[in-house]
Protein backbone atom coordinates (compact mmCIF):
# COMPACT_ATOMS: atom_id res chain seq x y z
CA MET A 1 7.42 8.53 -25.44
CA ALA A 2 9.97 6.48 -27.97
CA SER A 3 12.15 5.83 -24.89
CA LEU A 4 9.58 4.01 -23.00
CA ALA A 5 8.33 1.86 -25.88
CA GLU A 6 8.30 -1.81 -25.63
CA ALA A 7 10.83 -3.44 -27.87
CA ALA A 8 9.47 -5.01 -31.16
CA PRO A 9 8.48 -8.62 -31.26
CA ARG A 10 11.39 -11.23 -30.79
CA PRO A 11 12.17 -14.19 -32.95
CA ARG A 12 10.92 -17.30 -31.20
CA GLU A 13 14.29 -18.65 -30.07
CA ASP A 14 15.12 -15.34 -28.57
CA GLN A 15 11.98 -15.08 -27.02
CA ALA A 16 12.27 -18.09 -25.31
CA ILE A 17 15.95 -17.20 -23.82
CA ALA A 18 14.28 -13.89 -22.51
CA ASP A 19 11.41 -15.74 -21.03
CA THR A 20 13.71 -18.30 -19.32
CA ARG A 21 15.83 -15.42 -18.04
CA ALA A 22 12.71 -13.51 -16.60
CA LEU A 23 11.73 -16.58 -14.74
CA ARG A 24 15.14 -17.33 -13.43
CA TRP A 25 15.48 -13.95 -11.99
CA ARG A 26 12.08 -13.65 -11.06
CA GLY A 27 12.94 -13.68 -7.20
CA TRP A 28 15.47 -10.88 -7.56
CA THR A 29 12.67 -8.97 -9.41
CA LEU A 30 9.99 -9.60 -6.99
CA ALA A 31 12.63 -8.45 -4.17
CA LEU A 32 13.60 -5.24 -6.19
CA LEU A 33 9.82 -4.37 -6.55
CA THR A 34 9.38 -5.22 -2.92
CA LEU A 35 12.13 -2.67 -2.06
CA VAL A 36 10.44 -0.11 -4.25
CA TYR A 37 7.22 -0.37 -2.51
CA PHE A 38 9.14 -0.10 0.91
CA PHE A 39 10.71 3.13 -0.24
CA SER A 40 7.11 3.98 -1.30
CA PHE A 41 5.53 3.60 2.11
CA MET A 42 8.52 4.69 4.07
CA ASP A 43 8.34 8.09 2.25
CA ARG A 44 4.66 8.00 2.74
CA TYR A 45 4.47 7.40 6.44
CA ILE A 46 7.34 9.15 7.71
CA LEU A 47 5.04 11.85 8.23
CA ALA A 48 3.17 9.92 10.70
CA ILE A 49 5.81 9.88 12.99
CA LEU A 50 6.68 13.46 12.55
CA LEU A 51 3.22 14.72 13.00
CA GLU A 52 3.61 16.00 16.64
CA PRO A 53 7.06 18.00 16.00
CA ILE A 54 5.59 19.21 12.72
CA LYS A 55 2.31 20.16 14.40
CA ALA A 56 4.28 22.44 16.99
CA ASP A 57 6.84 23.99 14.58
CA LEU A 58 4.23 25.07 12.05
CA LYS A 59 1.34 25.43 14.29
CA LEU A 60 -1.14 23.14 12.49
CA ASN A 61 -4.49 21.23 13.94
CA ASP A 62 -5.42 17.49 13.53
CA THR A 63 -7.54 18.29 10.42
CA GLN A 64 -4.47 19.84 8.60
CA LEU A 65 -2.41 16.94 9.72
CA GLY A 66 -5.04 14.77 8.40
CA LEU A 67 -5.24 16.69 4.92
CA LEU A 68 -1.38 16.30 4.50
CA SER A 69 -1.21 12.56 5.23
CA GLY A 70 -4.74 11.68 3.48
CA LEU A 71 -6.71 13.62 0.98
CA ALA A 72 -4.16 16.18 -0.59
CA PHE A 73 -1.76 13.17 -1.18
CA ALA A 74 -4.51 10.67 -2.29
CA ILE A 75 -6.36 12.80 -4.62
CA PHE A 76 -3.19 13.15 -7.15
CA TYR A 77 -1.90 9.59 -6.17
CA ALA A 78 -5.02 7.81 -7.06
CA THR A 79 -6.25 9.90 -10.09
CA LEU A 80 -2.92 9.64 -11.72
CA GLY A 81 -2.51 6.06 -11.48
CA LEU A 82 -5.17 5.58 -14.27
CA PRO A 83 -2.91 7.34 -16.88
CA VAL A 84 0.36 5.63 -15.66
CA ALA A 85 -1.59 2.19 -15.76
CA TRP A 86 -2.63 3.12 -19.41
CA LEU A 87 1.13 3.65 -20.15
CA ALA A 88 2.14 0.61 -18.07
CA ASP A 89 -0.19 -1.61 -20.45
CA ARG A 90 1.75 -0.26 -23.68
CA TYR A 91 5.13 0.43 -22.51
CA SER A 92 8.11 -0.32 -20.48
CA ARG A 93 7.02 -0.84 -16.69
CA ARG A 94 10.71 -0.89 -15.49
CA ARG A 95 11.28 2.56 -16.57
CA ILE A 96 7.94 3.92 -15.45
CA ILE A 97 8.68 2.60 -11.88
CA ALA A 98 12.28 4.17 -12.16
CA VAL A 99 11.06 7.76 -13.11
CA ALA A 100 8.26 7.44 -10.48
CA LEU A 101 10.59 6.53 -7.85
CA ALA A 102 13.04 9.45 -8.57
CA LEU A 103 10.16 11.82 -8.59
CA TRP A 104 8.49 10.73 -5.20
CA SER A 105 11.82 10.46 -3.34
CA GLY A 106 13.05 14.08 -4.40
CA MET A 107 9.83 15.62 -3.49
CA THR A 108 10.30 13.91 -0.05
CA ALA A 109 13.62 15.38 0.53
CA LEU A 110 11.85 18.66 -0.46
CA CYS A 111 9.25 18.44 2.37
CA GLY A 112 12.37 19.34 4.72
CA THR A 113 12.39 22.74 3.25
CA ALA A 114 8.60 23.53 3.83
CA THR A 115 8.15 26.67 6.07
CA GLY A 116 4.23 26.55 6.37
CA PHE A 117 1.22 24.34 5.59
CA GLY A 118 0.78 25.42 1.88
CA GLN A 119 4.46 24.73 0.91
CA LEU A 120 4.47 21.21 2.84
CA LEU A 121 1.06 20.64 1.19
CA LEU A 122 2.57 21.17 -2.30
CA TYR A 123 5.65 18.72 -1.72
CA ARG A 124 3.03 16.07 -0.46
CA ILE A 125 1.06 16.41 -3.50
CA GLY A 126 4.42 15.86 -5.43
CA VAL A 127 5.12 12.64 -3.40
CA GLY A 128 1.76 11.51 -4.44
CA VAL A 129 2.13 12.31 -8.10
CA GLY A 130 5.30 10.23 -7.94
CA GLU A 131 3.84 7.18 -6.14
CA ALA A 132 1.21 6.90 -8.76
CA GLY A 133 3.80 5.37 -11.06
CA SER A 134 4.74 2.46 -8.84
CA SER A 135 1.88 -0.15 -7.89
CA PRO A 136 -0.06 -0.53 -11.37
CA PRO A 137 2.84 -1.45 -13.22
CA SER A 138 4.53 -3.49 -10.19
CA HIS A 139 1.17 -5.43 -10.13
CA SER A 140 1.30 -6.07 -13.61
CA VAL A 141 4.86 -7.59 -13.32
CA ILE A 142 4.26 -9.79 -10.44
CA ALA A 143 1.36 -11.18 -12.25
CA ASP A 144 3.37 -11.98 -15.25
CA LEU A 145 5.96 -13.58 -13.19
CA TYR A 146 4.06 -15.97 -11.10
CA PRO A 147 1.21 -18.32 -11.96
CA PRO A 148 -2.09 -18.22 -10.29
CA GLU A 149 -1.49 -20.74 -7.87
CA LYS A 150 1.49 -18.75 -6.54
CA ARG A 151 0.52 -15.02 -6.89
CA ALA A 152 -1.20 -14.44 -3.37
CA GLY A 153 2.23 -15.50 -1.87
CA ALA A 154 4.00 -13.41 -4.23
CA MET A 155 1.78 -10.37 -3.57
CA GLY A 156 2.01 -11.27 -0.03
CA ILE A 157 5.75 -10.81 -0.05
CA TYR A 158 5.23 -7.52 -2.19
CA SER A 159 2.75 -6.27 0.26
CA THR A 160 5.75 -6.64 3.09
CA GLY A 161 6.58 -3.26 1.77
CA VAL A 162 3.68 -1.42 3.27
CA VAL A 163 4.46 -2.51 7.03
CA LEU A 164 8.17 -2.70 6.49
CA GLY A 165 8.32 0.62 5.06
CA GLY A 166 5.93 2.29 7.31
CA GLY A 167 7.78 0.70 10.04
CA PHE A 168 11.05 1.67 8.93
CA GLY A 169 10.01 5.05 8.17
CA ALA A 170 9.01 5.53 11.60
CA ILE A 171 12.18 4.06 13.03
CA ILE A 172 14.54 6.14 11.03
CA GLY A 173 12.41 9.12 10.95
CA GLY A 174 11.76 9.22 14.64
CA SER A 175 15.23 8.53 15.50
CA ILE A 176 16.83 11.39 13.35
CA ALA A 177 14.12 13.82 14.32
CA ALA A 178 14.61 13.11 18.23
CA ALA A 179 18.50 13.56 17.65
CA TYR A 180 18.33 16.44 15.34
CA ASP A 181 15.02 17.61 13.93
CA TRP A 182 11.95 16.57 11.61
CA ARG A 183 13.79 18.39 8.29
CA THR A 184 16.69 16.33 8.63
CA ALA A 185 14.60 13.28 8.77
CA MET A 186 12.74 14.10 5.58
CA PHE A 187 16.30 14.66 3.83
CA ALA A 188 17.60 11.54 5.12
CA LEU A 189 14.77 9.23 3.94
CA GLY A 190 14.09 11.03 0.55
CA LEU A 191 17.54 11.16 -1.14
CA PRO A 192 18.52 7.33 -0.99
CA GLY A 193 15.47 6.55 -3.25
CA ILE A 194 16.93 8.31 -6.28
CA ALA A 195 20.03 5.93 -5.99
CA LEU A 196 17.56 2.97 -6.09
CA ALA A 197 15.65 4.51 -9.08
CA LEU A 198 18.88 4.30 -11.07
CA ILE A 199 19.34 0.58 -9.93
CA VAL A 200 15.64 -0.23 -11.20
CA TRP A 201 16.21 1.64 -14.47
CA LEU A 202 19.70 -0.35 -15.27
CA VAL A 203 19.22 -3.96 -13.98
CA MET A 204 15.32 -4.68 -13.49
CA VAL A 205 14.44 -7.67 -15.57
CA GLU A 206 10.97 -7.05 -17.21
CA PRO A 207 8.84 -10.19 -18.31
CA ARG A 208 6.92 -10.78 -21.54
CA ARG A 209 3.07 -10.23 -20.67
CA GLY A 210 1.22 -13.42 -19.90
CA LEU A 211 4.21 -15.13 -19.33
CA SER A 212 3.08 -17.42 -16.49
CA ASP A 213 -0.50 -17.65 -17.36
CA PRO A 214 -1.81 -21.11 -17.64
CA ALA A 215 -2.54 -20.84 -21.60
CA PRO A 216 -0.52 -19.17 -24.12
CA VAL A 217 -1.92 -15.53 -24.57
CA ALA A 218 -2.59 -14.54 -28.10
CA PRO A 219 -1.88 -11.03 -29.09
CA GLN A 220 -4.87 -8.71 -28.33
CA ALA A 221 -5.62 -5.08 -29.15
CA LYS A 222 -4.37 -2.40 -26.64
CA PRO A 223 -7.37 -1.69 -24.44
CA THR A 224 -8.73 1.77 -23.83
CA MET A 225 -9.20 3.12 -20.19
CA LEU A 226 -12.91 3.05 -20.35
CA GLU A 227 -12.92 -0.56 -21.82
CA GLY A 228 -10.71 -1.57 -18.56
CA MET A 229 -13.26 0.28 -16.37
CA ALA A 230 -16.19 -1.29 -17.87
CA SER A 231 -14.69 -4.72 -17.83
CA LEU A 232 -13.77 -4.54 -13.99
CA PHE A 233 -17.34 -3.30 -13.00
CA ARG A 234 -19.01 -5.97 -14.79
CA CYS A 235 -17.13 -8.47 -12.57
CA ALA A 236 -19.16 -8.69 -9.44
CA PRO A 237 -16.34 -10.51 -7.47
CA ALA A 238 -13.83 -7.98 -8.48
CA VAL A 239 -15.96 -5.20 -7.30
CA HIS A 240 -16.72 -6.92 -3.77
CA LEU A 241 -13.06 -7.23 -3.14
CA ILE A 242 -12.30 -3.85 -4.28
CA LEU A 243 -14.99 -2.65 -1.61
CA ALA A 244 -13.47 -4.89 1.12
CA VAL A 245 -9.85 -3.81 0.68
CA THR A 246 -11.01 -0.19 0.11
CA LEU A 247 -12.53 -0.19 3.80
CA THR A 248 -9.74 -2.09 5.27
CA SER A 249 -7.35 0.55 4.02
CA LEU A 250 -9.45 3.24 5.12
CA ILE A 251 -9.17 1.93 8.57
CA GLY A 252 -5.30 1.17 8.02
CA TYR A 253 -4.43 4.38 6.73
CA ALA A 254 -6.09 6.08 9.53
CA VAL A 255 -4.19 4.13 12.28
CA GLY A 256 -1.18 4.27 10.51
CA ASN A 257 -1.02 8.02 10.16
CA PHE A 258 -2.24 8.79 13.76
CA GLY A 259 -1.03 5.65 15.40
CA PRO A 260 2.22 7.38 16.56
CA SER A 261 0.33 10.33 17.86
CA TYR A 262 -2.21 8.59 19.83
CA LEU A 263 0.69 6.49 21.60
CA GLN A 264 2.27 9.84 22.63
CA ARG A 265 -0.86 11.62 23.55
CA SER A 266 -2.73 9.04 25.14
CA LEU A 267 -0.18 6.38 26.33
CA GLY A 268 2.49 8.59 27.23
CA MET A 269 5.23 7.56 24.84
CA SER A 270 8.23 9.58 23.60
CA LEU A 271 8.78 10.13 19.86
CA LYS A 272 12.12 8.00 20.43
CA SER A 273 10.31 5.29 22.19
CA VAL A 274 7.73 5.16 19.30
CA ALA A 275 10.39 4.98 16.59
CA LEU A 276 12.73 2.38 18.48
CA ILE A 277 10.09 0.12 20.40
CA TYR A 278 6.63 0.40 18.75
CA ALA A 279 7.63 0.86 14.94
CA PRO A 280 9.84 -2.17 14.61
CA ALA A 281 7.63 -4.50 16.57
CA VAL A 282 4.60 -3.42 14.26
CA ALA A 283 6.68 -3.65 11.23
CA LEU A 284 8.03 -7.10 11.72
CA THR A 285 4.69 -8.51 13.06
CA GLY A 286 2.97 -7.00 10.11
CA ALA A 287 5.51 -8.37 7.77
CA ALA A 288 5.18 -11.80 9.26
CA GLY A 289 1.35 -11.75 8.93
CA GLY A 290 1.42 -10.62 5.28
CA VAL A 291 3.94 -13.18 4.21
CA ILE A 292 2.68 -16.27 6.33
CA GLY A 293 -0.89 -15.05 5.40
CA GLY A 294 -0.23 -15.16 1.67
CA LYS A 295 1.19 -18.52 1.88
CA LEU A 296 -1.71 -20.00 3.72
CA ALA A 297 -4.03 -18.15 1.12
CA ASP A 298 -2.17 -20.01 -1.71
CA TRP A 299 -2.59 -23.44 0.25
CA CYS A 300 -6.29 -22.52 0.90
CA GLY A 301 -6.55 -21.82 -3.11
CA ARG A 302 -4.92 -24.99 -4.09
CA HIS A 303 -6.97 -27.15 -1.79
CA TYR A 304 -10.39 -25.57 -1.78
CA GLY A 305 -10.24 -23.23 -4.69
CA LEU A 306 -9.47 -19.65 -5.00
CA TYR A 307 -12.74 -18.40 -3.42
CA SER A 308 -11.48 -19.68 0.05
CA GLN A 309 -8.88 -16.90 -0.06
CA ALA A 310 -11.37 -14.26 0.26
CA TRP A 311 -13.23 -16.15 3.02
CA PHE A 312 -9.65 -16.73 4.70
CA VAL A 313 -9.14 -13.25 4.95
CA ALA A 314 -12.55 -12.49 6.24
CA LEU A 315 -11.79 -14.87 9.14
CA LEU A 316 -8.41 -13.56 10.03
CA LYS A 317 -10.11 -10.03 10.16
CA ILE A 318 -12.93 -11.38 12.60
CA ALA A 319 -10.32 -12.56 14.79
CA ALA A 320 -8.22 -9.40 14.74
CA LEU A 321 -11.19 -6.92 15.64
CA PRO A 322 -11.33 -7.85 19.26
CA PHE A 323 -7.50 -6.79 19.67
CA THR A 324 -8.09 -3.50 17.46
CA ILE A 325 -10.80 -2.53 20.05
CA ALA A 326 -8.37 -3.24 22.87
CA PHE A 327 -5.72 -1.14 21.55
CA TYR A 328 -7.87 1.94 21.60
CA LEU A 329 -9.27 1.04 25.03
CA ALA A 330 -5.99 0.47 26.62
CA GLY A 331 -5.11 2.44 29.59
CA ASP A 332 -1.51 1.64 29.74
CA PHE A 333 1.15 0.90 27.04
CA THR A 334 1.84 -2.72 27.75
CA THR A 335 -2.02 -3.83 27.26
CA GLY A 336 -2.14 -1.58 24.02
CA PHE A 337 1.00 -2.98 22.65
CA VAL A 338 0.17 -6.82 23.13
CA ALA A 339 -3.42 -6.08 21.43
CA VAL A 340 -1.76 -4.16 18.56
CA LEU A 341 0.83 -6.53 17.85
CA MET A 342 -1.91 -9.35 17.65
CA SER A 343 -4.13 -7.13 15.59
CA TYR A 344 -1.55 -6.49 13.04
CA LEU A 345 -0.46 -10.36 12.89
CA LEU A 346 -4.08 -11.25 12.06
CA ALA A 347 -4.96 -8.64 9.92
CA SER A 348 -1.84 -7.85 7.64
CA SER A 349 -2.40 -10.68 5.26
CA TYR A 350 -5.65 -8.87 3.25
CA LEU A 351 -3.29 -7.29 0.56
CA GLY A 352 -1.58 -10.34 -0.82
CA PRO A 353 -4.75 -12.50 -1.31
CA SER A 354 -6.75 -9.33 -2.60
CA PHE A 355 -4.36 -8.24 -5.38
CA ALA A 356 -3.72 -11.65 -6.28
CA LEU A 357 -7.55 -12.27 -6.89
CA ILE A 358 -8.17 -9.14 -8.73
CA GLN A 359 -5.09 -9.83 -11.03
CA GLY A 360 -6.19 -13.24 -11.47
CA LEU A 361 -9.67 -11.98 -12.63
CA ALA A 362 -8.22 -9.29 -14.78
CA PRO A 363 -7.70 -9.87 -18.70
CA THR A 364 -4.00 -10.10 -19.49
CA ARG A 365 -3.81 -6.98 -21.58
CA MET A 366 -5.74 -5.11 -18.50
CA ARG A 367 -3.85 -6.09 -15.50
CA ALA A 368 -1.82 -2.77 -14.74
CA LEU A 369 -5.38 -0.89 -15.65
CA TRP A 370 -7.47 -2.95 -13.34
CA ALA A 371 -4.58 -2.49 -10.57
CA ALA A 372 -4.79 1.39 -11.31
CA ILE A 373 -8.42 1.51 -11.00
CA THR A 374 -8.35 -0.85 -7.91
CA LEU A 375 -5.71 1.62 -6.23
CA LEU A 376 -7.95 4.62 -7.51
CA VAL A 377 -10.84 3.53 -5.58
CA ILE A 378 -8.76 2.38 -2.47
CA ASN A 379 -6.79 5.51 -2.25
CA LEU A 380 -9.28 8.04 -3.03
CA ILE A 381 -11.62 6.45 -0.37
CA GLY A 382 -9.10 4.74 2.08
CA LEU A 383 -5.97 6.92 1.89
CA GLY A 384 -7.87 10.00 1.16
CA ALA A 385 -10.71 9.55 3.70
CA GLY A 386 -8.98 7.49 6.24
CA PRO A 387 -6.34 10.13 7.96
CA THR A 388 -8.61 13.31 7.07
CA LEU A 389 -11.83 11.82 8.82
CA ALA A 390 -9.58 10.86 11.85
CA GLY A 391 -8.35 14.32 11.92
CA ILE A 392 -11.84 15.89 11.58
CA ILE A 393 -13.46 13.53 14.09
CA SER A 394 -10.50 14.25 16.58
CA ASP A 395 -11.08 18.09 16.44
CA ALA A 396 -14.84 17.80 16.69
CA LEU A 397 -14.43 15.56 19.73
CA LYS A 398 -11.48 17.70 21.44
CA PRO A 399 -14.07 19.77 23.20
CA SER A 400 -15.66 16.93 25.05
CA PHE A 401 -12.57 14.60 25.57
CA GLY A 402 -9.49 16.97 25.08
CA GLN A 403 -6.21 15.20 24.70
CA GLU A 404 -8.22 11.86 24.40
CA SER A 405 -10.02 12.86 21.45
CA LEU A 406 -7.85 10.90 18.90
CA ARG A 407 -8.33 7.81 20.80
CA TYR A 408 -12.08 7.74 20.03
CA SER A 409 -11.85 9.05 16.84
CA MET A 410 -9.65 5.85 15.93
CA LEU A 411 -12.06 3.66 17.69
CA ALA A 412 -14.79 4.81 15.74
CA ILE A 413 -13.37 4.44 12.44
CA SER A 414 -12.29 0.88 13.35
CA MET A 415 -15.65 0.04 13.86
CA LEU A 416 -16.16 -0.16 10.02
CA THR A 417 -14.43 -3.47 9.69
CA PRO A 418 -17.39 -5.63 9.96
CA TRP A 419 -18.78 -3.88 6.85
CA ALA A 420 -15.34 -4.95 5.14
CA ILE A 421 -15.79 -8.55 6.40
CA PHE A 422 -19.07 -8.80 4.75
CA HIS A 423 -17.42 -7.93 1.16
CA TYR A 424 -14.70 -10.38 1.56
CA TRP A 425 -17.62 -12.95 2.50
CA ARG A 426 -19.56 -11.83 -0.45
CA ALA A 427 -16.65 -12.13 -3.10
CA GLY A 428 -15.97 -15.73 -1.85
CA VAL A 429 -19.59 -16.78 -2.49
CA LEU A 430 -19.51 -15.11 -6.00
CA LEU A 431 -16.02 -16.56 -6.88
CA LYS A 432 -17.31 -20.12 -5.79
CA ARG A 433 -20.38 -19.84 -8.28
CA MET A 434 -17.64 -18.91 -10.89
CA GLY A 435 -16.11 -22.44 -10.34
């Protein structure tokens, strides 16, 4: 553990130099963390574009595909986030991120060697174990680098790793699988992450905790995990934000993991077409929505108060819902394509403002822990239940709807959106009362 330990307190002059350096390089640090997040979702979502060839090769059903994409991955990814966050609130966040990245990248490559459901399940669990070490320390670093009025924008940029990583995972993975096979695609996406882990370990600049907070942060006792959980669940706005982002993530993970399969089964697209047409368009549209939405949320926060960021997300989700429904009722690719792009553009901004608000409510020494608790709930319920539930419903509807069962499964899950909208609205009400 000594190798991960934070350095001893610096003399005041040296600390000032270190703080200046951290702020000067914060754009680079944010870009590097976004790239790590990109690799995380690229390795996570490569399975989505490969589900159909994997299903045919290993003779799996939709429930098994949902388990590989969701619950089996999520249980380890989510629960291990808590001990990782405990470490990140005490030790070098840079080194934790680097070790985690190397682990999940190696496990992604090993997925290409699987010969059956059990072996592939084991390697996917390994990917989840590795990815547990990325987001909590990354959230903590970003919150220390950016003041409250700029955090939503910074988190919005960071959140582009979700849609860009998922999109490029589909582009690269689908193209390689179409040209060779799904196993080669796994190798090609997994191995480069090990090189990136070395770069993170050697060059990432880690800021002092509380560096960008409005008031100087006095030394505080290091919190226990139970203290962190208790402090979060006493904060009503944070609880509503977590519920809102969890429900949104459940829908998003179901769509993200089974979307390529839906396009191939119901709208007649080929694997190569999904990889080269649908995936890049959705990735770029979602990234644009995340960045623009994060900046607009910052503007709302400066002019109307931070509470307005939660309402801003709610309004965008209301606007996106009709397009989501149209995507699953589409009878042809063109209609579905336009609808899904509008849905992604409007709905992709939720992560930046949500995580920024939660980090702003968190005590400084508990930021990584609050992030991990948030991710625990999001991923156990959202990532764990989303794809798994979509697969189960699809298999249950198959006797009635045949090839179209996945369409109606995903439509049913999308109907949870108004529930998420309610929690964003309620979080805004409570934040406004806090002043």
